[in-house]
Amino acid sequence: MSGVRPKPIPIPDDLTRPFWEAAKERRLVVQRCGNCGYYNHPPRTVCDACLSQELRYEPVSGLGRIHTFTVMHQRDVPGFESETPFINIVVELEEQPWLLMVSNLPLSERERICSGVRVKVDFEDRGNGVMVPHFQIF
């Protein structure tokens, strides 16, 4: 036994299913309030800004900037043991201040990374039709 575990596979529920269905098509969508226009991520049942329940998923550009990052050396993150160290990033999407998504980068990007660096979405194929959004420096 090699001890290498597969990367986690998302388990969509009623709230997140539209996000994962769009990702299968290599599209990034984010929940948005039909009342005030505020983007919510991760998905929730009420708008963070106005508490409306009129939420729907809308396409976003997939462009943003690195808000913050850290280099992960822990080898106990399931599915990422063989990739350590790697860089965990928090991306602020350009559609709205504080619209944040978490992703990771390989350590080979260490020299290029700093807060404010521009990134764009890409999708990682985890098999069986599962695509997970992640970001790349450009």
Protein backbone atom coordinates (compact mmCIF):
# COMPACT_ATOMS: atom_id res chain seq x y z
CA MET A 1 0.00 0.00 0.00
CA SER A 2 1.48 3.33 -1.03
CA GLY A 3 -0.27 5.40 1.64
CA VAL A 4 -1.25 8.07 -0.91
CA ARG A 5 -4.90 8.96 -0.56
CA PRO A 6 -6.96 10.47 -3.37
CA LYS A 7 -7.85 14.14 -3.17
CA PRO A 8 -11.23 14.85 -1.63
CA ILE A 9 -14.26 14.78 -3.89
CA PRO A 10 -17.02 17.33 -3.20
CA ILE A 11 -20.42 15.98 -2.25
CA PRO A 12 -23.00 18.39 -3.66
CA ASP A 13 -26.19 19.06 -1.76
CA ASP A 14 -29.24 21.08 -2.78
CA LEU A 15 -27.49 24.34 -1.90
CA THR A 16 -24.17 23.69 -3.69
CA ARG A 17 -25.28 21.53 -6.63
CA PRO A 18 -25.50 24.45 -9.14
CA PHE A 19 -21.90 25.44 -8.28
CA TRP A 20 -20.57 21.91 -8.90
CA GLU A 21 -22.69 21.38 -12.04
CA ALA A 22 -21.23 24.56 -13.55
CA ALA A 23 -17.72 23.47 -12.56
CA LYS A 24 -18.24 20.23 -14.55
CA GLU A 25 -18.62 22.51 -17.57
CA ARG A 26 -15.51 24.51 -16.57
CA ARG A 27 -17.63 27.53 -15.62
CA LEU A 28 -17.32 29.44 -12.35
CA VAL A 29 -20.60 30.59 -10.85
CA VAL A 30 -21.27 32.32 -7.55
CA GLN A 31 -24.47 32.79 -5.64
CA ARG A 32 -25.88 36.31 -6.03
CA CYS A 33 -28.78 38.06 -4.36
CA GLY A 34 -31.66 38.98 -6.66
CA ASN A 35 -32.72 41.70 -4.23
CA CYS A 36 -29.50 43.71 -3.67
CA GLY A 37 -26.98 42.15 -6.11
CA TYR A 38 -24.51 41.06 -3.42
CA TYR A 39 -22.40 37.96 -4.16
CA ASN A 40 -22.29 35.26 -1.47
CA HIS A 41 -19.59 32.60 -1.26
CA PRO A 42 -19.63 30.00 0.08
CA PRO A 43 -23.30 29.47 -0.73
CA ARG A 44 -25.90 30.08 1.96
CA THR A 45 -29.66 30.25 2.36
CA VAL A 46 -29.87 34.03 2.93
CA CYS A 47 -27.95 37.02 1.57
CA ASP A 48 -25.16 38.26 3.82
CA ALA A 49 -25.98 41.87 2.95
CA CYS A 50 -29.78 42.13 3.11
CA LEU A 51 -30.98 38.72 4.41
CA SER A 52 -33.08 38.13 1.29
CA GLN A 53 -33.69 34.54 0.23
CA GLU A 54 -33.76 35.52 -3.47
CA LEU A 55 -30.43 33.88 -4.30
CA ARG A 56 -29.37 32.48 -7.65
CA TYR A 57 -26.12 31.40 -9.25
CA GLU A 58 -24.54 33.70 -11.83
CA PRO A 59 -21.38 33.36 -13.92
CA VAL A 60 -18.34 35.33 -12.77
CA SER A 61 -15.16 36.17 -14.66
CA GLY A 62 -12.88 33.87 -12.68
CA LEU A 63 -10.36 36.70 -12.40
CA GLY A 64 -9.04 37.98 -9.12
CA ARG A 65 -6.08 38.77 -6.93
CA ILE A 66 -4.37 36.85 -4.17
CA HIS A 67 -5.71 38.28 -0.95
CA THR A 68 -3.45 36.23 1.33
CA PHE A 69 -1.48 32.98 1.27
CA THR A 70 0.45 30.51 3.38
CA VAL A 71 2.88 27.69 2.63
CA MET A 72 1.54 24.38 3.93
CA HIS A 73 4.11 21.87 5.18
CA GLN A 74 1.67 19.54 6.95
CA ARG A 75 1.63 16.08 5.41
CA ASP A 76 -1.65 15.11 7.06
CA VAL A 77 -4.05 16.92 4.71
CA PRO A 78 -5.91 14.02 3.02
CA GLY A 79 -5.07 13.73 -0.66
CA PHE A 80 -2.31 16.36 -0.56
CA GLU A 81 0.37 14.38 1.29
CA SER A 82 2.53 13.91 -1.81
CA GLU A 83 2.20 17.57 -2.85
CA THR A 84 3.58 19.15 0.32
CA PRO A 85 4.78 21.72 0.68
CA PHE A 86 2.16 23.61 -1.31
CA ILE A 87 0.74 27.11 -1.18
CA ASN A 88 -2.76 27.75 0.14
CA ILE A 89 -4.21 30.94 -1.32
CA VAL A 90 -7.27 33.06 -0.68
CA VAL A 91 -8.43 34.77 -3.86
CA GLU A 92 -10.54 37.91 -3.92
CA LEU A 93 -12.64 37.78 -7.10
CA GLU A 94 -12.84 40.99 -9.10
CA GLU A 95 -16.64 41.13 -9.04
CA GLN A 96 -16.82 42.40 -5.46
CA PRO A 97 -14.56 43.30 -2.53
CA TRP A 98 -14.29 40.45 -0.02
CA LEU A 99 -15.71 37.88 -2.44
CA LEU A 100 -13.20 35.22 -1.42
CA MET A 101 -12.40 31.69 -2.60
CA VAL A 102 -9.76 29.30 -1.26
CA SER A 103 -7.41 27.44 -3.60
CA ASN A 104 -3.88 26.12 -3.75
CA LEU A 105 -0.77 26.52 -5.88
CA PRO A 106 2.27 24.28 -6.32
CA LEU A 107 5.44 25.28 -4.48
CA SER A 108 7.04 26.07 -7.86
CA GLU A 109 5.02 29.33 -7.79
CA ARG A 110 6.63 30.47 -4.51
CA GLU A 111 8.86 33.09 -6.16
CA ARG A 112 5.92 34.66 -8.04
CA ILE A 113 3.43 34.82 -5.21
CA CYS A 114 2.56 37.81 -3.08
CA SER A 115 -0.63 39.55 -2.03
CA GLY A 116 -2.19 41.38 -4.97
CA VAL A 117 -0.88 39.05 -7.70
CA ARG A 118 -3.47 38.46 -10.42
CA VAL A 119 -4.91 34.98 -10.87
CA LYS A 120 -7.47 33.30 -13.08
CA VAL A 121 -9.62 30.28 -12.52
CA ASP A 122 -8.84 26.89 -13.99
CA PHE A 123 -10.37 23.52 -13.21
CA GLU A 124 -8.81 20.37 -11.82
CA ASP A 125 -10.26 17.09 -13.05
CA ARG A 126 -10.68 14.76 -10.06
CA GLY A 127 -12.16 11.97 -12.16
CA ASN A 128 -15.69 10.67 -12.70
CA GLY A 129 -16.83 14.04 -14.07
CA VAL A 130 -15.82 15.99 -10.96
CA MET A 131 -14.11 19.30 -11.69
CA VAL A 132 -12.81 21.50 -8.89
CA PRO A 133 -12.08 25.20 -9.48
CA HIS A 134 -8.55 26.31 -8.66
CA PHE A 135 -6.51 29.35 -9.63
CA GLN A 136 -3.31 30.04 -11.56
CA ILE A 137 -1.05 33.07 -11.62
CA PHE A 138 -1.00 34.85 -14.97
